[in-house]
């Protein structure tokens, strides 16, 4: 995947009809989950610790890694109605494991 390209976009849809976009940037927000040991940034500690979701091994002992981008709602007074996950149409396949709210 091309460094700096938008791999995906979260579109936050508020109850009042407005939206806010949260782009997920290749090799900044997400990395190759199949080989985290070969993903510059993920293993070189360029990510803040709170952005590393999990690094470990699968049942065969192969490295795997998940990141967790963090979005700060610019409109905390607005109620979120839905969230759309939109592909950036680049050479990667981002996926969502979960979303949490604090």
Protein backbone atom coordinates (compact mmCIF):
# COMPACT_ATOMS: atom_id res chain seq x y z
CA UNK A 1 0.00 0.00 0.00
CA UNK A 2 1.17 3.50 -0.78
CA UNK A 3 2.53 5.43 2.19
CA UNK A 4 0.33 8.42 3.00
CA UNK A 5 -2.65 7.37 0.87
CA UNK A 6 -6.10 7.24 2.43
CA UNK A 7 -6.67 3.52 3.02
CA UNK A 8 -10.16 4.11 4.35
CA UNK A 9 -12.37 6.77 5.85
CA UNK A 10 -14.73 6.69 8.80
CA UNK A 11 -17.66 9.01 8.09
CA UNK A 12 -19.35 9.98 11.33
CA UNK A 13 -23.03 10.80 10.76
CA UNK A 14 -24.64 12.96 13.43
CA UNK A 15 -28.35 13.04 14.24
CA UNK A 16 -28.61 16.60 12.93
CA UNK A 17 -27.58 15.49 9.41
CA UNK A 18 -24.00 16.78 9.55
CA UNK A 19 -20.92 14.59 9.12
CA UNK A 20 -17.28 14.44 10.18
CA UNK A 21 -14.60 12.43 8.37
CA UNK A 22 -11.76 10.49 9.99
CA UNK A 23 -9.31 9.27 7.31
CA UNK A 24 -7.17 6.19 7.99
CA UNK A 25 -3.76 6.79 6.40
CA UNK A 26 -1.62 3.93 5.04
CA UNK A 27 1.62 3.28 6.94
CA UNK A 28 0.71 5.96 9.47
CA UNK A 29 -2.53 4.69 10.98
CA UNK A 30 -2.51 1.13 9.63
CA UNK A 31 0.18 -1.39 8.68
CA UNK A 32 0.52 -4.89 7.27
CA UNK A 33 -1.15 -6.98 9.97
CA UNK A 34 0.26 -10.23 8.57
CA UNK A 35 3.88 -9.25 9.09
CA UNK A 36 4.12 -6.62 11.83
CA UNK A 37 7.84 -7.34 12.18
CA UNK A 38 8.32 -6.01 8.62
CA UNK A 39 6.04 -2.98 9.00
CA UNK A 40 8.11 0.16 9.53
CA UNK A 41 6.43 2.29 12.14
CA UNK A 42 4.58 -0.50 13.91
CA UNK A 43 7.60 -2.31 15.26
CA UNK A 44 9.94 0.70 15.32
CA UNK A 45 7.75 2.34 17.97
CA UNK A 46 6.69 5.22 15.72
CA UNK A 47 3.16 4.58 16.94
CA UNK A 48 2.19 5.80 20.37
CA UNK A 49 1.57 2.90 22.77
CA UNK A 50 -2.15 3.73 22.95
CA UNK A 51 -2.38 3.19 19.16
CA UNK A 52 -1.07 -0.38 19.28
CA UNK A 53 -4.06 -2.65 19.63
CA UNK A 54 -2.25 -5.98 19.70
CA UNK A 55 1.00 -7.56 18.52
CA UNK A 56 1.41 -11.31 18.81
CA UNK A 57 1.49 -14.57 16.95
CA UNK A 58 -1.06 -16.81 15.32
CA UNK A 59 -1.30 -20.54 16.02
CA UNK A 60 1.61 -21.21 13.62
CA UNK A 61 3.88 -18.71 15.36
CA UNK A 62 3.66 -16.12 12.56
CA UNK A 63 3.61 -12.47 13.60
CA UNK A 64 0.38 -10.50 13.54
CA UNK A 65 -0.46 -6.98 14.62
CA UNK A 66 -3.47 -4.70 14.97
CA UNK A 67 -3.49 -0.94 15.43
CA UNK A 68 -6.18 1.23 16.96
CA UNK A 69 -6.46 4.72 15.49
CA UNK A 70 -7.97 7.20 17.94
CA UNK A 71 -10.49 9.82 16.85
CA UNK A 72 -11.44 12.79 19.01
CA UNK A 73 -14.97 13.96 18.24
CA UNK A 74 -14.79 17.62 17.21
CA UNK A 75 -18.50 17.99 18.11
CA UNK A 76 -18.98 16.17 21.43
CA UNK A 77 -22.29 17.93 21.96
CA UNK A 78 -23.76 16.19 18.89
CA UNK A 79 -25.22 12.69 19.04
CA UNK A 80 -23.65 10.18 16.64
CA UNK A 81 -26.32 8.37 14.62
CA UNK A 82 -24.22 6.03 12.46
CA UNK A 83 -20.65 5.43 11.29
CA UNK A 84 -19.78 4.51 7.70
CA UNK A 85 -16.52 2.71 6.87
CA UNK A 86 -15.55 3.72 3.34
CA UNK A 87 -12.72 2.14 1.33
CA UNK A 88 -9.94 4.40 0.09
CA UNK A 89 -9.69 2.13 -2.99
CA UNK A 90 -5.94 1.63 -2.66
CA UNK A 91 -4.01 -1.64 -2.67
CA UNK A 92 -4.88 -2.83 0.84
CA UNK A 93 -7.84 -4.33 2.64
CA UNK A 94 -8.47 -2.46 5.90
CA UNK A 95 -10.99 -3.97 8.28
CA UNK A 96 -12.60 -3.05 11.58
CA UNK A 97 -12.38 -5.37 14.58
CA UNK A 98 -14.31 -3.12 16.94
CA UNK A 99 -15.26 0.43 17.90
CA UNK A 100 -15.36 1.72 21.44
CA UNK A 101 -16.58 4.99 22.91
CA UNK A 102 -15.29 6.77 25.99
